[in-house]
Protein backbone atom coordinates (compact mmCIF):
# COMPACT_ATOMS: atom_id res chain seq x y z
CA MET A 1 43.18 150.32 137.43
CA SER A 2 44.49 151.33 140.88
CA MET A 3 43.44 147.95 142.33
CA LYS A 4 45.47 146.16 139.66
CA ILE A 5 48.53 148.28 140.44
CA GLU A 6 48.18 147.59 144.18
CA TYR A 7 47.83 143.86 143.45
CA ASN A 8 51.01 143.82 141.37
CA VAL A 9 52.93 145.71 144.10
CA SER A 10 51.70 143.25 146.75
CA MET A 11 52.73 140.25 144.63
CA LYS A 12 56.18 141.74 144.07
CA LYS A 13 56.65 142.27 147.82
CA PHE A 14 55.45 138.73 148.50
CA LEU A 15 57.89 137.25 145.95
CA ILE A 16 60.74 139.35 147.37
CA TRP A 17 60.06 138.01 150.89
CA VAL A 18 59.86 134.45 149.58
CA LEU A 19 63.23 134.88 147.86
CA ILE A 20 64.75 136.33 151.04
CA LEU A 21 63.48 133.42 153.14
CA LEU A 22 64.73 130.86 150.62
CA SER A 23 68.14 132.56 150.58
CA LEU A 24 68.33 132.48 154.38
CA MET A 25 67.42 128.81 154.46
CA ALA A 26 70.09 128.04 151.85
CA LEU A 27 72.69 129.94 153.87
CA LEU A 28 71.73 128.08 157.03
CA LEU A 29 72.02 124.73 155.32
CA ARG A 30 75.30 125.65 153.63
CA PHE A 31 77.19 127.25 156.50
CA SER A 32 75.76 126.07 159.82
CA ASN A 33 74.64 122.57 160.68
CA GLN A 34 73.77 123.61 164.23
CA LEU A 35 71.61 126.57 163.14
CA ALA A 36 69.91 124.40 160.55
CA GLU A 37 69.00 121.93 163.27
CA ILE A 38 67.78 124.65 165.66
CA PHE A 39 65.71 126.70 163.22
CA LEU A 40 64.73 124.20 160.55
CA GLY A 41 64.51 121.00 162.58
CA ILE A 42 67.01 119.24 160.30
CA LYS A 43 69.15 116.85 162.33
CA GLN A 44 72.59 116.28 160.83
CA THR A 45 73.64 112.63 160.67
CA SER A 46 76.68 110.68 159.57
CA GLY A 47 77.73 107.09 159.14
CA ILE A 48 80.35 104.50 159.96
CA SER A 49 81.38 101.35 158.10
CA ILE A 50 83.63 98.74 159.75
CA LEU A 51 85.38 95.68 158.34
CA SER A 52 87.64 93.40 160.34
CA ASP A 53 89.90 90.43 159.87
CA PRO A 54 88.72 88.08 161.24
CA LEU A 55 85.07 88.83 160.47
CA GLY A 56 82.41 88.58 163.14
CA ALA A 57 84.13 90.89 165.63
CA ILE A 58 81.72 92.45 168.13
CA VAL A 59 81.36 96.21 167.61
CA PHE A 60 80.98 98.60 170.54
CA LEU A 61 80.22 102.32 170.16
CA ASP A 62 80.83 104.29 173.36
CA GLY A 63 80.73 101.03 175.31
CA LYS A 64 77.40 99.85 173.83
CA GLU A 65 77.29 96.68 171.74
CA VAL A 66 75.76 97.56 168.34
CA GLY A 67 76.49 94.56 166.12
CA LYS A 68 79.23 92.53 164.46
CA THR A 69 81.55 93.10 161.53
CA PRO A 70 80.91 93.77 158.73
CA PHE A 71 79.08 96.66 160.41
CA ASP A 72 77.38 99.54 158.64
CA SER A 73 75.24 102.39 160.01
CA LYS A 74 74.28 105.57 158.14
CA ASN A 75 72.15 107.31 160.79
CA LEU A 76 74.53 108.22 163.62
CA ASP A 77 74.75 111.51 165.49
CA VAL A 78 77.58 113.82 164.47
CA LYS A 79 80.14 113.50 167.28
CA GLU A 80 83.25 111.62 168.40
CA TYR A 81 82.83 107.92 169.20
CA THR A 82 84.97 105.39 171.03
CA VAL A 83 85.01 102.31 168.80
CA ARG A 84 85.99 98.89 170.13
CA LEU A 85 86.20 95.59 168.25
CA GLU A 86 86.44 92.24 170.03
CA LYS A 87 86.91 88.74 168.66
CA ASP A 88 87.88 85.93 171.03
CA LYS A 89 90.93 87.35 172.88
CA ALA A 90 91.83 89.86 170.15
CA PHE A 91 90.59 93.45 170.22
CA TRP A 92 91.17 96.97 168.96
CA GLN A 93 89.99 100.29 170.35
CA GLY A 94 90.23 103.85 169.08
CA LYS A 95 88.35 107.12 168.68
CA VAL A 96 86.77 108.39 165.47
CA LYS A 97 85.09 111.73 164.78
CA LEU A 98 82.09 111.62 162.45
CA ASN A 99 81.36 114.62 160.23
CA ALA A 100 77.91 115.60 158.97
CA GLY A 101 76.83 113.91 155.76
CA THR A 102 79.91 111.67 155.49
CA VAL A 103 80.82 108.06 156.29
CA VAL A 104 83.96 107.04 158.18
CA ALA A 105 85.40 103.74 156.97
CA ILE A 106 87.40 101.54 159.36
CA LYS A 107 89.29 98.41 158.35
CA ARG A 108 91.20 96.51 161.04
CA ASP A 109 93.28 93.36 161.31
CA ILE A 110 92.76 92.69 164.99
CA ALA A 111 95.20 90.67 167.08
CA THR A 112 95.99 89.81 170.68
CA ASP A 113 99.05 92.12 170.65
CA SER A 114 99.39 95.64 169.26
CA ALA A 115 102.55 94.80 167.27
CA SER A 116 100.53 92.44 165.03
CA SER A 117 97.50 94.72 164.72
CA ALA A 118 97.12 96.85 161.59
CA GLY A 119 94.46 98.82 159.80
CA GLU A 120 93.28 102.17 158.53
CA ILE A 121 90.61 104.80 159.15
CA LEU A 122 89.32 106.87 156.22
CA SER A 123 87.41 110.08 156.93
CA LEU A 124 86.20 113.06 154.87
CA ASN A 125 86.22 116.79 155.55
CA ARG A 126 85.28 119.74 153.36
CA GLY A 127 88.31 120.75 151.30
CA LYS A 128 90.46 119.04 148.70
CA GLY A 129 93.31 116.58 148.31
CA ILE A 130 94.44 113.78 150.58
CA THR A 131 96.22 113.64 153.95
CA ILE A 132 98.01 110.48 155.07
CA ILE A 133 99.34 109.84 158.58
CA SER A 134 100.80 106.62 159.93
CA ASN A 135 101.94 104.76 163.00
CA PRO A 136 104.93 104.55 162.95
CA GLY A 137 105.58 107.93 161.35
CA GLY A 138 107.98 108.47 158.48
CA ALA A 139 106.41 105.76 156.30
CA GLU A 140 106.84 106.11 152.53
CA VAL A 141 103.65 106.81 150.59
CA GLU A 142 102.85 105.94 146.99
CA ILE A 143 99.61 106.95 145.26
CA ASP A 144 98.81 105.14 142.02
CA GLY A 145 102.45 104.05 141.78
CA ARG A 146 103.88 107.56 142.24
CA ILE A 147 106.03 108.32 145.31
CA ILE A 148 104.50 111.22 147.25
CA GLY A 149 106.75 111.47 150.29
CA LYS A 150 106.83 110.33 153.91
CA THR A 151 104.09 110.54 156.51
CA PRO A 152 102.59 112.80 157.61
CA VAL A 153 101.97 114.08 154.07
CA THR A 154 99.28 116.10 152.28
CA THR A 155 98.95 116.37 148.52
CA ASP A 156 96.44 117.37 145.83
CA ILE A 157 95.02 114.54 143.76
CA ASN A 158 92.16 114.23 141.32
CA THR A 159 88.75 113.07 142.46
CA GLY A 160 87.88 109.42 141.92
CA GLY A 161 89.48 106.10 142.83
CA HIS A 162 93.11 105.77 143.94
CA THR A 163 95.42 103.06 145.26
CA ILE A 164 97.53 104.11 148.25
CA SER A 165 100.56 102.14 149.38
CA VAL A 166 102.19 102.80 152.78
CA SER A 167 105.50 101.12 153.66
CA HIS A 168 108.12 101.31 156.40
CA ILE A 169 111.27 99.32 157.06
CA ASN A 170 110.63 96.31 159.36
CA TYR A 171 106.85 96.69 158.89
CA LEU A 172 104.39 95.01 156.56
CA ASN A 173 103.26 97.14 153.62
CA ARG A 174 99.66 98.35 153.61
CA SER A 175 97.70 98.84 150.36
CA ILE A 176 94.48 100.84 150.48
CA ARG A 177 91.86 101.49 147.80
CA ALA A 178 90.01 104.77 148.33
CA ASP A 179 87.62 107.10 146.48
CA LEU A 180 87.93 110.88 146.76
CA PRO A 181 84.68 112.78 146.11
CA ALA A 182 84.68 116.34 144.77
CA ASN A 183 85.10 119.21 147.27
CA PHE A 184 86.41 116.92 150.03
CA ASN A 185 89.73 116.18 151.71
CA LEU A 186 90.32 112.51 152.46
CA THR A 187 92.29 111.74 155.63
CA VAL A 188 93.81 108.25 155.82
CA SER A 189 95.20 107.17 159.20
CA VAL A 190 97.22 103.96 158.86
CA ASP A 191 98.61 101.57 161.48
CA LEU A 192 101.34 99.22 160.27
CA SER A 193 102.17 95.89 161.88
CA LEU A 194 105.64 94.46 162.41
CA SER A 195 106.79 91.86 159.90
CA GLU A 196 106.89 88.23 161.01
CA ALA A 197 110.69 88.27 161.01
CA ASP A 198 110.77 91.21 163.39
CA LEU A 199 108.13 89.65 165.62
CA GLU A 200 110.20 86.48 165.86
CA ALA A 201 113.30 88.54 166.66
CA ILE A 202 111.68 90.12 169.69
CA GLU A 203 113.06 88.49 172.81
CA VAL A 204 110.47 87.93 175.49
CA PRO A 205 112.11 87.95 178.93
CA ALA A 206 110.87 85.66 181.64
CA ILE A 207 108.37 87.48 183.83
CA THR A 208 108.27 86.56 187.48
CA GLN A 209 105.85 89.33 188.42
CA THR A 210 103.54 91.52 186.36
CA PRO A 211 105.12 95.01 186.33
CA GLU A 212 102.86 97.89 187.34
CA VAL A 213 102.97 101.67 187.42
CA THR A 214 101.08 104.22 189.45
CA VAL A 215 99.85 107.54 188.04
CA LYS A 216 101.52 110.62 189.52
CA GLY A 217 99.94 114.05 189.92
CA THR A 218 99.35 116.01 186.70
CA PRO A 219 98.55 119.70 185.99
CA THR A 220 95.12 118.72 184.63
CA GLY A 221 94.21 116.29 187.42
CA PHE A 222 94.12 113.36 184.98
CA LEU A 223 96.36 111.55 182.49
CA ARG A 224 95.30 110.69 178.94
CA LEU A 225 95.61 107.14 177.66
CA ARG A 226 96.37 107.55 173.95
CA TYR A 227 95.95 105.24 170.96
CA LYS A 228 99.56 105.75 169.86
CA PRO A 229 102.75 107.06 171.56
CA SER A 230 102.34 110.66 170.44
CA LEU A 231 100.55 113.83 171.57
CA SER A 232 98.56 113.55 168.33
CA GLY A 233 97.34 110.10 169.33
CA SER A 234 93.58 109.99 169.91
CA GLU A 235 92.38 109.68 173.50
CA ILE A 236 91.14 106.25 174.58
CA ALA A 237 90.48 107.04 178.23
CA LYS A 238 91.53 109.18 181.20
CA VAL A 239 93.24 107.81 184.31
CA LYS A 240 93.54 109.55 187.66
CA PRO A 241 96.51 110.16 189.98
CA GLY A 242 96.94 107.14 192.24
CA ASP A 243 95.51 104.65 189.70
CA THR A 244 97.53 101.45 189.28
CA LEU A 245 98.12 100.31 185.69
CA ILE A 246 99.73 97.22 184.19
CA LEU A 247 102.99 98.07 182.39
CA LEU A 248 103.31 96.27 179.05
CA GLU A 249 106.23 98.07 177.41
CA GLU A 250 108.65 100.94 178.10
CA LEU A 251 109.33 103.15 175.07
CA GLY A 252 111.39 106.01 176.46
CA ALA A 253 109.04 108.99 176.72
CA TRP A 254 105.99 106.70 176.56
CA ASP A 255 104.80 103.57 178.33
CA ARG A 256 102.35 101.09 176.87
CA ILE A 257 99.91 100.08 179.58
CA ARG A 258 96.72 98.11 180.15
CA LEU A 259 93.71 99.27 182.16
CA PRO A 260 91.70 96.96 184.44
CA ASN A 261 88.96 96.80 181.76
CA GLY A 262 91.47 95.40 179.23
CA ALA A 263 91.95 98.58 177.18
CA GLU A 264 95.53 99.16 176.06
CA GLY A 265 97.26 102.38 175.07
CA TYR A 266 100.11 104.76 175.75
CA VAL A 267 100.76 107.26 178.56
CA SER A 268 103.56 109.76 179.09
CA SER A 269 106.27 108.12 181.19
CA SER A 270 106.82 111.47 182.94
CA TYR A 271 103.56 111.08 184.83
CA VAL A 272 103.79 107.44 185.92
CA GLU A 273 106.07 105.76 188.41
CA LYS A 274 107.09 102.12 188.27
CA ILE A 275 106.06 100.15 191.34
CA PRO A 276 109.06 98.26 192.76
CA ALA A 277 108.82 94.48 192.54
CA LYS A 278 108.05 92.74 195.80
CA SER A 279 110.90 90.61 197.11
């Protein structure tokens, strides 16, 4: 009789420990990807899907050629990547952050000049609703035919498929079809391109010498080249004081420049100095 009682007590203790261990594992998986990888050997992965117009653009991730568009990979490390697309003389470059267990979708119309380039990046984070940002800012947003407001804007919407329209005066409208899964926030980052009429209206002055700027000293010891003319613009690269850059466009507080490797972006005009033209 006593042996049976001891057996039952031992089984209860064993089951309690099993339940405790299972609970700990569930907590690790739910709340900490890093701890899950360290203690359980589960490596968190994510994915990226890229479409381009035209198709067949070469895809580079962190400078490494990985394929051509349409490109799709579902087994990438969770981190921030520099993505570059090249097709003939047209290209696009930007940074995307991949989150565990999700896929970032990129769709780009690539062109030889940034004014004609357009596209969107769709990414998911734990939460709810939808966040829409645009370049240029202040674009009007409609979701399923209902006016939501102007970018940047965040709103609650039901899960499932939605049609998003982003428009701005003098720019071509952008229509995006997106699906919002449960328990996620969808962030849509949209770049609009100038309309053909506005592109034709841009006067191109005769250039006798390629204008250049030199990077001045900065508090950080480097200057960020950003994807768009804003402090919220993702970082494309870092340039150092003394570097010489090709000046493409002056936009007041920002200058659009080109690096020697062909990458284009924006830098704060406060930290660059225009090199006088040689007589």
